[in-house]
Amino acid sequence: MFSLKSGIFTNRILWAAVISWAIAQILKIFTSLRTERRIDWSKIMGPGGMPSSHSAFVTSLAMGIGLSEGWDSAMFAVSFVFAAVVMYDAAGVRRAAGRQARVLNQLMTIMLKQGHVPATKLRELLGHTPFEVVMGALLGIAVAWLMLRMRQG
């Protein structure tokens, strides 16, 4: 039976992860204001930027599972490995793809000026710096810790 008092609506681990992600996405607007001197609303749903919402999301999940299921549980192990893969991808693979997109865009601009190709720009900001990943991870840890500790208080 469907009830608002149980299930998905009361799953503190899930909500800690979702709230961590949302806070990180909102913070991107303010950090871009500091670096770009303007509000860029596209940052709220776009990839890249400070802090990493992917890192916040997965570390909050892992922290929540560790706190509730135990640090030696199989679920924590799975969520920890999942978080590590996601953060490696955010700082490594997707960042490299963004660099490649930047080079390809430069080549496309040259070729466009010569009349060889149509104008199609690739997205360059795909990944994160290691600092953005760490800050997202710290945000996720803090949110999960606060949300799971509130339950005990």
C-alpha atoms as a PDB file:
ATOM      1  CA  MET A   1       0.000   0.000   0.000  1.00  0.00           C
ATOM      2  CA  PHE A   2       1.179   3.523  -0.778  1.00  0.00           C
ATOM      3  CA  SER A   3       1.994   5.616   2.274  1.00  0.00           C
ATOM      4  CA  LEU A   4       3.757   8.940   2.737  1.00  0.00           C
ATOM      5  CA  LYS A   5       5.030   7.723   6.116  1.00  0.00           C
ATOM      6  CA  SER A   6       7.289   5.028   4.663  1.00  0.00           C
ATOM      7  CA  GLY A   7       9.294   4.162   1.609  1.00  0.00           C
ATOM      8  CA  ILE A   8      10.865   6.670  -0.717  1.00  0.00           C
ATOM      9  CA  PHE A   9       9.531   9.718   1.118  1.00  0.00           C
ATOM     10  CA  THR A  10      11.251   8.798   4.394  1.00  0.00           C
ATOM     11  CA  ASN A  11      14.486   7.397   2.976  1.00  0.00           C
ATOM     12  CA  ARG A  12      17.006   9.777   4.586  1.00  0.00           C
ATOM     13  CA  ILE A  13      19.918   8.358   2.605  1.00  0.00           C
ATOM     14  CA  LEU A  14      18.188   9.021  -0.703  1.00  0.00           C
ATOM     15  CA  TRP A  15      17.107  12.504   0.356  1.00  0.00           C
ATOM     16  CA  ALA A  16      20.575  13.351   1.658  1.00  0.00           C
ATOM     17  CA  ALA A  17      21.981  12.473  -1.774  1.00  0.00           C
ATOM     18  CA  VAL A  18      19.312  14.460  -3.629  1.00  0.00           C
ATOM     19  CA  ILE A  19      19.702  17.480  -1.333  1.00  0.00           C
ATOM     20  CA  SER A  20      23.498  17.344  -1.703  1.00  0.00           C
ATOM     21  CA  TRP A  21      23.119  17.345  -5.485  1.00  0.00           C
ATOM     22  CA  ALA A  22      20.655  20.268  -5.378  1.00  0.00           C
ATOM     23  CA  ILE A  23      22.857  22.347  -3.071  1.00  0.00           C
ATOM     24  CA  ALA A  24      25.871  21.751  -5.329  1.00  0.00           C
ATOM     25  CA  GLN A  25      23.897  22.761  -8.427  1.00  0.00           C
ATOM     26  CA  ILE A  26      22.686  25.966  -6.747  1.00  0.00           C
ATOM     27  CA  LEU A  27      26.199  26.759  -5.491  1.00  0.00           C
ATOM     28  CA  LYS A  28      27.436  26.622  -9.098  1.00  0.00           C
ATOM     29  CA  ILE A  29      25.465  29.776  -9.842  1.00  0.00           C
ATOM     30  CA  PHE A  30      27.258  31.661  -7.071  1.00  0.00           C
ATOM     31  CA  THR A  31      30.713  30.286  -7.830  1.00  0.00           C
ATOM     32  CA  SER A  32      30.274  31.204 -11.501  1.00  0.00           C
ATOM     33  CA  LEU A  33      29.220  34.701 -10.394  1.00  0.00           C
ATOM     34  CA  ARG A  34      32.535  34.998  -8.578  1.00  0.00           C
ATOM     35  CA  THR A  35      34.615  33.758 -11.523  1.00  0.00           C
ATOM     36  CA  GLU A  36      32.657  35.169 -14.477  1.00  0.00           C
ATOM     37  CA  ARG A  37      31.273  38.334 -12.814  1.00  0.00           C
ATOM     38  CA  ARG A  38      27.765  37.491 -14.002  1.00  0.00           C
ATOM     39  CA  ILE A  39      24.943  35.122 -13.118  1.00  0.00           C
ATOM     40  CA  ASP A  40      24.844  32.193 -15.508  1.00  0.00           C
ATOM     41  CA  TRP A  41      21.582  30.312 -14.938  1.00  0.00           C
ATOM     42  CA  SER A  42      22.666  27.540 -17.312  1.00  0.00           C
ATOM     43  CA  LYS A  43      25.102  26.405 -14.593  1.00  0.00           C
ATOM     44  CA  ILE A  44      22.211  25.156 -12.472  1.00  0.00           C
ATOM     45  CA  MET A  45      21.697  22.135 -14.749  1.00  0.00           C
ATOM     46  CA  GLY A  46      24.930  22.014 -16.723  1.00  0.00           C
ATOM     47  CA  PRO A  47      27.945  19.747 -16.281  1.00  0.00           C
ATOM     48  CA  GLY A  48      31.202  20.891 -14.731  1.00  0.00           C
ATOM     49  CA  GLY A  49      31.668  23.767 -12.342  1.00  0.00           C
ATOM     50  CA  MET A  50      32.252  24.238  -8.644  1.00  0.00           C
ATOM     51  CA  PRO A  51      31.428  22.139  -6.663  1.00  0.00           C
ATOM     52  CA  SER A  52      30.939  18.810  -8.413  1.00  0.00           C
ATOM     53  CA  SER A  53      27.324  17.783  -7.940  1.00  0.00           C
ATOM     54  CA  HIS A  54      28.184  14.250  -9.085  1.00  0.00           C
ATOM     55  CA  SER A  55      30.684  13.969  -6.246  1.00  0.00           C
ATOM     56  CA  ALA A  56      28.250  15.455  -3.734  1.00  0.00           C
ATOM     57  CA  PHE A  57      25.553  13.009  -4.843  1.00  0.00           C
ATOM     58  CA  VAL A  58      27.607   9.814  -4.651  1.00  0.00           C
ATOM     59  CA  THR A  59      29.580  10.638  -1.510  1.00  0.00           C
ATOM     60  CA  SER A  60      26.396  11.552   0.299  1.00  0.00           C
ATOM     61  CA  LEU A  61      24.983   8.179  -0.723  1.00  0.00           C
ATOM     62  CA  ALA A  62      28.101   6.313   0.444  1.00  0.00           C
ATOM     63  CA  MET A  63      28.311   8.276   3.715  1.00  0.00           C
ATOM     64  CA  GLY A  64      24.635   7.675   4.444  1.00  0.00           C
ATOM     65  CA  ILE A  65      25.009   3.955   3.832  1.00  0.00           C
ATOM     66  CA  GLY A  66      28.159   3.821   5.948  1.00  0.00           C
ATOM     67  CA  LEU A  67      26.453   5.593   8.835  1.00  0.00           C
ATOM     68  CA  SER A  68      23.283   3.500   8.714  1.00  0.00           C
ATOM     69  CA  GLU A  69      24.432   0.060   7.517  1.00  0.00           C
ATOM     70  CA  GLY A  70      27.952   0.087   8.918  1.00  0.00           C
ATOM     71  CA  TRP A  71      31.373   0.776   7.425  1.00  0.00           C
ATOM     72  CA  ASP A  72      31.994  -2.960   7.016  1.00  0.00           C
ATOM     73  CA  SER A  73      28.736  -3.659   5.142  1.00  0.00           C
ATOM     74  CA  ALA A  74      28.585  -4.883   1.567  1.00  0.00           C
ATOM     75  CA  MET A  75      26.292  -1.965   0.688  1.00  0.00           C
ATOM     76  CA  PHE A  76      28.894   0.548   1.862  1.00  0.00           C
ATOM     77  CA  ALA A  77      31.580  -1.238  -0.156  1.00  0.00           C
ATOM     78  CA  VAL A  78      29.448  -1.093  -3.302  1.00  0.00           C
ATOM     79  CA  SER A  79      28.531   2.563  -2.794  1.00  0.00           C
ATOM     80  CA  PHE A  80      32.168   3.487  -2.036  1.00  0.00           C
ATOM     81  CA  VAL A  81      33.416   1.854  -5.242  1.00  0.00           C
ATOM     82  CA  PHE A  82      30.552   3.455  -7.194  1.00  0.00           C
ATOM     83  CA  ALA A  83      31.483   6.874  -5.766  1.00  0.00           C
ATOM     84  CA  ALA A  84      35.150   6.373  -6.626  1.00  0.00           C
ATOM     85  CA  VAL A  85      34.311   5.481 -10.245  1.00  0.00           C
ATOM     86  CA  VAL A  86      31.978   8.456 -10.633  1.00  0.00           C
ATOM     87  CA  MET A  87      34.506  10.902  -9.154  1.00  0.00           C
ATOM     88  CA  TYR A  88      37.346   9.481 -11.258  1.00  0.00           C
ATOM     89  CA  ASP A  89      35.185   9.885 -14.339  1.00  0.00           C
ATOM     90  CA  ALA A  90      34.222  13.463 -13.391  1.00  0.00           C
ATOM     91  CA  ALA A  91      37.822  14.580 -12.842  1.00  0.00           C
ATOM     92  CA  GLY A  92      39.538  12.359 -15.386  1.00  0.00           C
ATOM     93  CA  VAL A  93      37.662  11.049 -18.383  1.00  0.00           C
ATOM     94  CA  ARG A  94      35.073  13.822 -18.751  1.00  0.00           C
ATOM     95  CA  ARG A  95      37.687  16.528 -18.130  1.00  0.00           C
ATOM     96  CA  ALA A  96      39.888  15.060 -20.868  1.00  0.00           C
ATOM     97  CA  ALA A  97      36.883  14.950 -23.204  1.00  0.00           C
ATOM     98  CA  GLY A  98      36.292  18.640 -22.481  1.00  0.00           C
ATOM     99  CA  ARG A  99      39.892  19.469 -23.376  1.00  0.00           C
ATOM    100  CA  GLN A 100      39.544  17.528 -26.619  1.00  0.00           C
ATOM    101  CA  ALA A 101      36.322  19.411 -27.385  1.00  0.00           C
ATOM    102  CA  ARG A 102      38.166  22.717 -26.923  1.00  0.00           C
ATOM    103  CA  VAL A 103      40.873  21.679 -29.420  1.00  0.00           C
ATOM    104  CA  LEU A 104      38.281  20.400 -31.887  1.00  0.00           C
ATOM    105  CA  ASN A 105      36.335  23.671 -31.589  1.00  0.00           C
ATOM    106  CA  GLN A 106      39.505  25.606 -32.412  1.00  0.00           C
ATOM    107  CA  LEU A 107      40.084  23.404 -35.468  1.00  0.00           C
ATOM    108  CA  MET A 108      36.435  23.794 -36.492  1.00  0.00           C
ATOM    109  CA  THR A 109      36.763  27.594 -36.261  1.00  0.00           C
ATOM    110  CA  ILE A 110      39.779  27.525 -38.562  1.00  0.00           C
ATOM    111  CA  MET A 111      38.028  25.208 -41.016  1.00  0.00           C
ATOM    112  CA  LEU A 112      34.834  27.274 -40.850  1.00  0.00           C
ATOM    113  CA  LYS A 113      36.760  30.419 -41.796  1.00  0.00           C
ATOM    114  CA  GLN A 114      38.112  28.517 -44.780  1.00  0.00           C
ATOM    115  CA  GLY A 115      34.589  27.373 -45.735  1.00  0.00           C
ATOM    116  CA  HIS A 116      35.217  23.666 -45.174  1.00  0.00           C
ATOM    117  CA  VAL A 117      32.721  22.704 -42.453  1.00  0.00           C
ATOM    118  CA  PRO A 118      29.416  23.899 -40.994  1.00  0.00           C
ATOM    119  CA  ALA A 119      29.457  25.616 -37.610  1.00  0.00           C
ATOM    120  CA  THR A 120      28.873  23.048 -34.870  1.00  0.00           C
ATOM    121  CA  LYS A 121      30.359  23.762 -31.474  1.00  0.00           C
ATOM    122  CA  LEU A 122      31.090  20.978 -28.987  1.00  0.00           C
ATOM    123  CA  ARG A 123      30.485  21.389 -25.256  1.00  0.00           C
ATOM    124  CA  GLU A 124      33.828  22.064 -23.599  1.00  0.00           C
ATOM    125  CA  LEU A 125      32.961  22.125 -19.910  1.00  0.00           C
ATOM    126  CA  LEU A 126      32.241  18.470 -19.228  1.00  0.00           C
ATOM    127  CA  GLY A 127      34.370  17.545 -16.247  1.00  0.00           C
ATOM    128  CA  HIS A 128      35.775  18.897 -13.026  1.00  0.00           C
ATOM    129  CA  THR A 129      39.097  19.867 -11.550  1.00  0.00           C
ATOM    130  CA  PRO A 130      40.243  17.659  -8.672  1.00  0.00           C
ATOM    131  CA  PHE A 131      39.456  20.570  -6.305  1.00  0.00           C
ATOM    132  CA  GLU A 132      35.849  20.764  -7.560  1.00  0.00           C
ATOM    133  CA  VAL A 133      35.500  16.996  -7.026  1.00  0.00           C
ATOM    134  CA  VAL A 134      36.899  17.200  -3.479  1.00  0.00           C
ATOM    135  CA  MET A 135      34.628  20.119  -2.586  1.00  0.00           C
ATOM    136  CA  GLY A 136      31.592  18.253  -3.928  1.00  0.00           C
ATOM    137  CA  ALA A 137      32.605  15.181  -1.930  1.00  0.00           C
ATOM    138  CA  LEU A 138      32.962  17.223   1.262  1.00  0.00           C
ATOM    139  CA  LEU A 139      29.537  18.769   0.671  1.00  0.00           C
ATOM    140  CA  GLY A 140      27.984  15.317   0.221  1.00  0.00           C
ATOM    141  CA  ILE A 141      29.642  13.978   3.361  1.00  0.00           C
ATOM    142  CA  ALA A 142      28.471  16.965   5.413  1.00  0.00           C
ATOM    143  CA  VAL A 143      24.860  16.811   4.201  1.00  0.00           C
ATOM    144  CA  ALA A 144      24.596  13.049   4.784  1.00  0.00           C
ATOM    145  CA  TRP A 145      26.156  13.337   8.231  1.00  0.00           C
ATOM    146  CA  LEU A 146      23.771  16.141   9.223  1.00  0.00           C
ATOM    147  CA  MET A 147      20.670  14.400   7.861  1.00  0.00           C
ATOM    148  CA  LEU A 148      21.430  11.031   9.413  1.00  0.00           C
ATOM    149  CA  ARG A 149      22.455  12.526  12.736  1.00  0.00           C
ATOM    150  CA  MET A 150      19.233  14.591  12.882  1.00  0.00           C
ATOM    151  CA  ARG A 151      17.343  11.295  12.938  1.00  0.00           C
ATOM    152  CA  GLN A 152      19.161  10.238  16.073  1.00  0.00           C
ATOM    153  CA  GLY A 153      18.617  13.560  17.863  1.00  0.00           C
END
